[in-house]
């Protein structure tokens, strides 16, 4: 079954996230840079003087076993970085063309 993994993270840890992807062997993804958001543990990022910082979002369509591996790697990164903010979400894809 094909899964979509969405990783939302603080732009300050982009290098760390990309290193994890490489170590997991993930080669195909789509990245959106400079998005805004608010998280309970990571705080508000609106890219302005009041709420500085931005987030990046990375999407990866992959096999179920690859998704599990990627989520596991992101959990480890989250433990290491704590408050910096990195979250992974997974959902099933009905169709991939």
N, C-alpha and C. Protein backbone atom coordinates (compact mmCIF):
# COMPACT_ATOMS: atom_id res chain seq x y z
N UNK A 1 0.84 -1.18 0.00
CA UNK A 1 0.00 0.00 0.00
C UNK A 1 0.89 1.25 0.00
N UNK A 2 0.51 2.23 -0.79
CA UNK A 2 1.26 3.48 -0.87
C UNK A 2 0.79 4.42 0.23
N UNK A 3 1.77 5.07 0.87
CA UNK A 3 1.49 6.03 1.94
C UNK A 3 2.05 7.39 1.56
N UNK A 4 1.44 8.43 2.12
CA UNK A 4 1.99 9.78 2.01
C UNK A 4 2.48 10.18 3.39
N UNK A 5 3.73 10.56 3.47
CA UNK A 5 4.29 11.06 4.72
C UNK A 5 4.48 12.56 4.55
N UNK A 6 3.93 13.32 5.48
CA UNK A 6 4.12 14.76 5.50
C UNK A 6 4.93 15.10 6.75
N UNK A 7 6.03 15.78 6.55
CA UNK A 7 6.88 16.19 7.66
C UNK A 7 6.87 17.70 7.72
N UNK A 8 6.41 18.23 8.85
CA UNK A 8 6.39 19.68 9.08
C UNK A 8 7.47 19.97 10.12
N UNK A 9 8.31 20.97 9.82
CA UNK A 9 9.44 21.23 10.72
C UNK A 9 9.93 22.67 10.62
N UNK A 10 10.59 23.11 11.67
CA UNK A 10 11.20 24.44 11.73
C UNK A 10 12.28 24.53 10.66
N UNK A 11 12.28 25.62 9.90
CA UNK A 11 13.26 25.77 8.82
C UNK A 11 14.70 25.75 9.34
N UNK A 12 14.89 26.04 10.62
CA UNK A 12 16.23 26.07 11.20
C UNK A 12 16.87 24.68 11.24
N UNK A 13 16.06 23.62 11.15
CA UNK A 13 16.61 22.27 11.21
C UNK A 13 16.53 21.56 9.85
N UNK A 14 16.49 22.33 8.78
CA UNK A 14 16.39 21.74 7.44
C UNK A 14 17.53 20.78 7.16
N UNK A 15 18.75 21.15 7.51
CA UNK A 15 19.90 20.27 7.24
C UNK A 15 19.75 18.93 7.96
N UNK A 16 19.29 18.98 9.20
CA UNK A 16 19.12 17.75 9.98
C UNK A 16 18.04 16.86 9.38
N UNK A 17 16.93 17.45 8.96
CA UNK A 17 15.85 16.68 8.35
C UNK A 17 16.33 16.05 7.05
N UNK A 18 17.02 16.81 6.23
CA UNK A 18 17.50 16.29 4.95
C UNK A 18 18.52 15.16 5.16
N UNK A 19 19.34 15.27 6.20
CA UNK A 19 20.29 14.21 6.51
C UNK A 19 19.56 12.92 6.91
N UNK A 20 18.50 13.06 7.70
CA UNK A 20 17.71 11.89 8.09
C UNK A 20 17.09 11.24 6.85
N UNK A 21 16.56 12.05 5.93
CA UNK A 21 15.98 11.50 4.70
C UNK A 21 17.02 10.72 3.91
N UNK A 22 18.19 11.28 3.81
CA UNK A 22 19.27 10.61 3.07
C UNK A 22 19.64 9.29 3.76
N UNK A 23 19.77 9.32 5.08
CA UNK A 23 20.12 8.11 5.83
C UNK A 23 19.04 7.04 5.73
N UNK A 24 17.79 7.46 5.58
CA UNK A 24 16.67 6.51 5.41
C UNK A 24 16.58 6.00 3.98
N UNK A 25 17.36 6.57 3.08
CA UNK A 25 17.35 6.14 1.69
C UNK A 25 16.21 6.72 0.87
N UNK A 26 15.54 7.74 1.40
CA UNK A 26 14.43 8.34 0.67
C UNK A 26 14.98 9.28 -0.40
N UNK A 27 14.63 9.02 -1.64
CA UNK A 27 15.17 9.81 -2.75
C UNK A 27 14.14 10.74 -3.39
N UNK A 28 12.85 10.43 -3.23
CA UNK A 28 11.81 11.21 -3.90
C UNK A 28 10.94 11.93 -2.87
N UNK A 29 10.81 13.22 -3.05
CA UNK A 29 10.00 14.02 -2.14
C UNK A 29 9.68 15.35 -2.80
N UNK A 30 8.75 16.07 -2.20
CA UNK A 30 8.44 17.44 -2.58
C UNK A 30 8.55 18.29 -1.33
N UNK A 31 9.27 19.41 -1.43
CA UNK A 31 9.47 20.28 -0.27
C UNK A 31 8.87 21.66 -0.55
N UNK A 32 8.14 22.16 0.43
CA UNK A 32 7.63 23.52 0.40
C UNK A 32 8.34 24.29 1.50
N UNK A 33 9.00 25.38 1.12
CA UNK A 33 9.78 26.15 2.09
C UNK A 33 9.04 27.42 2.50
N UNK A 34 9.29 27.84 3.73
CA UNK A 34 8.81 29.13 4.20
C UNK A 34 7.33 29.20 4.48
N UNK A 35 6.76 28.14 5.07
CA UNK A 35 5.34 28.16 5.41
C UNK A 35 5.17 28.60 6.85
N UNK A 36 3.98 29.05 7.19
CA UNK A 36 3.70 29.57 8.51
C UNK A 36 2.84 28.60 9.29
N UNK A 37 2.92 28.68 10.62
CA UNK A 37 2.09 27.80 11.43
C UNK A 37 2.30 28.01 12.91
N UNK A 38 1.55 27.24 13.66
CA UNK A 38 1.60 27.31 15.12
C UNK A 38 1.48 25.90 15.67
N UNK A 39 2.36 25.57 16.60
CA UNK A 39 2.32 24.26 17.23
C UNK A 39 2.38 24.40 18.74
N UNK A 40 1.82 23.44 19.43
CA UNK A 40 1.78 23.49 20.89
C UNK A 40 3.18 23.52 21.48
N UNK A 41 4.07 22.68 20.99
CA UNK A 41 5.42 22.64 21.55
C UNK A 41 6.41 23.52 20.80
N UNK A 42 6.19 23.75 19.52
CA UNK A 42 7.16 24.51 18.72
C UNK A 42 6.88 26.00 18.67
N UNK A 43 5.69 26.42 19.09
CA UNK A 43 5.36 27.84 19.08
C UNK A 43 4.82 28.31 17.74
N UNK A 44 4.69 29.62 17.63
CA UNK A 44 4.14 30.25 16.44
C UNK A 44 5.26 30.74 15.54
N UNK A 45 5.15 30.45 14.25
CA UNK A 45 6.11 30.90 13.24
C UNK A 45 5.33 31.58 12.13
N UNK A 46 5.43 32.91 12.07
CA UNK A 46 4.73 33.68 11.05
C UNK A 46 5.68 34.50 10.18
N UNK A 47 6.99 34.37 10.43
CA UNK A 47 7.98 35.04 9.60
C UNK A 47 8.01 36.55 9.75
N UNK A 48 7.52 37.06 10.89
CA UNK A 48 7.54 38.51 11.11
C UNK A 48 8.27 38.84 12.41
N UNK A 49 8.30 40.12 12.77
CA UNK A 49 9.02 40.54 13.97
C UNK A 49 8.38 40.01 15.26
N UNK A 50 7.08 39.88 15.26
CA UNK A 50 6.38 39.41 16.45
C UNK A 50 6.51 37.89 16.60
N UNK A 51 6.31 37.17 15.52
CA UNK A 51 6.40 35.70 15.51
C UNK A 51 7.45 35.28 14.47
N UNK A 52 8.74 35.42 14.79
CA UNK A 52 9.78 35.09 13.81
C UNK A 52 9.85 33.60 13.50
N UNK A 53 10.51 33.30 12.42
CA UNK A 53 10.72 31.92 12.01
C UNK A 53 9.65 31.45 11.05
N UNK A 54 9.99 30.42 10.32
CA UNK A 54 9.08 29.79 9.38
C UNK A 54 9.27 28.29 9.46
N UNK A 55 8.39 27.58 8.80
CA UNK A 55 8.47 26.12 8.75
C UNK A 55 8.68 25.68 7.31
N UNK A 56 9.08 24.45 7.16
CA UNK A 56 9.12 23.78 5.87
C UNK A 56 8.21 22.57 5.96
N UNK A 57 7.67 22.15 4.84
CA UNK A 57 6.87 20.93 4.79
C UNK A 57 7.44 20.07 3.67
N UNK A 58 7.61 18.80 3.98
CA UNK A 58 8.13 17.84 3.02
C UNK A 58 7.11 16.73 2.86
N UNK A 59 6.81 16.38 1.61
CA UNK A 59 5.87 15.30 1.29
C UNK A 59 6.64 14.18 0.59
N UNK A 60 6.37 12.95 1.00
CA UNK A 60 7.00 11.80 0.36
C UNK A 60 5.97 10.69 0.17
N UNK A 61 5.72 10.32 -1.07
CA UNK A 61 4.88 9.17 -1.37
C UNK A 61 5.80 7.95 -1.43
N UNK A 62 5.47 6.93 -0.64
CA UNK A 62 6.37 5.78 -0.56
C UNK A 62 5.61 4.53 -0.13
N UNK A 63 6.30 3.41 -0.16
CA UNK A 63 5.72 2.16 0.28
C UNK A 63 5.52 2.19 1.80
N UNK A 64 4.63 1.37 2.29
CA UNK A 64 4.29 1.36 3.72
C UNK A 64 5.51 1.13 4.61
N UNK A 65 6.37 0.20 4.23
CA UNK A 65 7.56 -0.07 5.04
C UNK A 65 8.51 1.13 5.07
N UNK A 66 8.61 1.84 3.95
CA UNK A 66 9.44 3.05 3.90
C UNK A 66 8.85 4.15 4.78
N UNK A 67 7.53 4.26 4.78
CA UNK A 67 6.86 5.26 5.62
C UNK A 67 7.12 4.98 7.09
N UNK A 68 7.02 3.73 7.48
CA UNK A 68 7.28 3.36 8.89
C UNK A 68 8.72 3.70 9.28
N UNK A 69 9.65 3.41 8.40
CA UNK A 69 11.06 3.72 8.65
C UNK A 69 11.27 5.23 8.79
N UNK A 70 10.67 5.98 7.89
CA UNK A 70 10.81 7.43 7.92
C UNK A 70 10.22 8.03 9.19
N UNK A 71 9.05 7.57 9.59
CA UNK A 71 8.42 8.07 10.82
C UNK A 71 9.28 7.72 12.03
N UNK A 72 9.83 6.53 12.05
CA UNK A 72 10.71 6.13 13.14
C UNK A 72 11.94 7.05 13.23
N UNK A 73 12.52 7.35 12.08
CA UNK A 73 13.67 8.26 12.04
C UNK A 73 13.30 9.66 12.51
N UNK A 74 12.12 10.13 12.13
CA UNK A 74 11.67 11.46 12.55
C UNK A 74 11.41 11.50 14.06
N UNK A 75 10.91 10.41 14.62
CA UNK A 75 10.71 10.34 16.07
C UNK A 75 12.04 10.48 16.80
N UNK A 76 13.06 9.82 16.28
CA UNK A 76 14.39 9.92 16.88
C UNK A 76 14.93 11.34 16.79
N UNK A 77 14.76 11.96 15.63
CA UNK A 77 15.21 13.34 15.46
C UNK A 77 14.47 14.26 16.42
N UNK A 78 13.19 14.03 16.58
CA UNK A 78 12.38 14.85 17.49
C UNK A 78 12.90 14.73 18.92
N UNK A 79 13.27 13.52 19.33
CA UNK A 79 13.83 13.32 20.67
C UNK A 79 15.13 14.12 20.84
N UNK A 80 15.96 14.11 19.80
CA UNK A 80 17.24 14.81 19.85
C UNK A 80 17.07 16.32 19.92
N UNK A 81 16.13 16.85 19.14
CA UNK A 81 16.01 18.30 18.99
C UNK A 81 15.01 18.93 19.93
N UNK A 82 14.09 18.15 20.46
CA UNK A 82 13.13 18.67 21.43
C UNK A 82 12.24 19.76 20.88
N UNK A 83 12.38 20.95 21.42
CA UNK A 83 11.45 22.05 21.15
C UNK A 83 11.55 22.64 19.75
N UNK A 84 12.57 22.32 19.00
CA UNK A 84 12.72 22.91 17.66
C UNK A 84 11.55 22.61 16.74
N UNK A 85 10.91 21.49 16.93
CA UNK A 85 9.70 21.21 16.18
C UNK A 85 9.89 20.42 14.90
N UNK A 86 9.51 19.16 14.95
CA UNK A 86 9.44 18.33 13.75
C UNK A 86 8.34 17.30 14.02
N UNK A 87 7.41 17.19 13.08
CA UNK A 87 6.30 16.25 13.21
C UNK A 87 6.09 15.55 11.88
N UNK A 88 5.71 14.28 11.97
CA UNK A 88 5.42 13.50 10.76
C UNK A 88 3.99 12.99 10.83
N UNK A 89 3.31 13.07 9.71
CA UNK A 89 1.93 12.62 9.57
C UNK A 89 1.89 11.64 8.40
N UNK A 90 1.08 10.59 8.52
CA UNK A 90 1.00 9.57 7.47
C UNK A 90 -0.46 9.31 7.13
N UNK A 91 -0.72 9.21 5.83
CA UNK A 91 -2.05 8.80 5.40
C UNK A 91 -1.92 7.93 4.15
N UNK A 92 -2.96 7.15 3.89
CA UNK A 92 -2.97 6.24 2.74
C UNK A 92 -3.35 7.01 1.48
N UNK A 93 -2.72 6.62 0.38
CA UNK A 93 -3.04 7.19 -0.92
C UNK A 93 -3.93 6.21 -1.67
N UNK A 94 -5.04 6.68 -2.16
CA UNK A 94 -5.95 5.84 -2.93
C UNK A 94 -5.42 5.55 -4.33
N UNK A 95 -4.68 6.52 -4.85
CA UNK A 95 -4.23 6.38 -6.23
C UNK A 95 -2.92 7.12 -6.42
N UNK A 96 -2.05 6.59 -7.22
CA UNK A 96 -0.79 7.24 -7.56
C UNK A 96 -0.59 7.07 -9.05
N UNK A 97 -0.54 8.19 -9.77
CA UNK A 97 -0.38 8.11 -11.22
C UNK A 97 0.91 8.77 -11.67
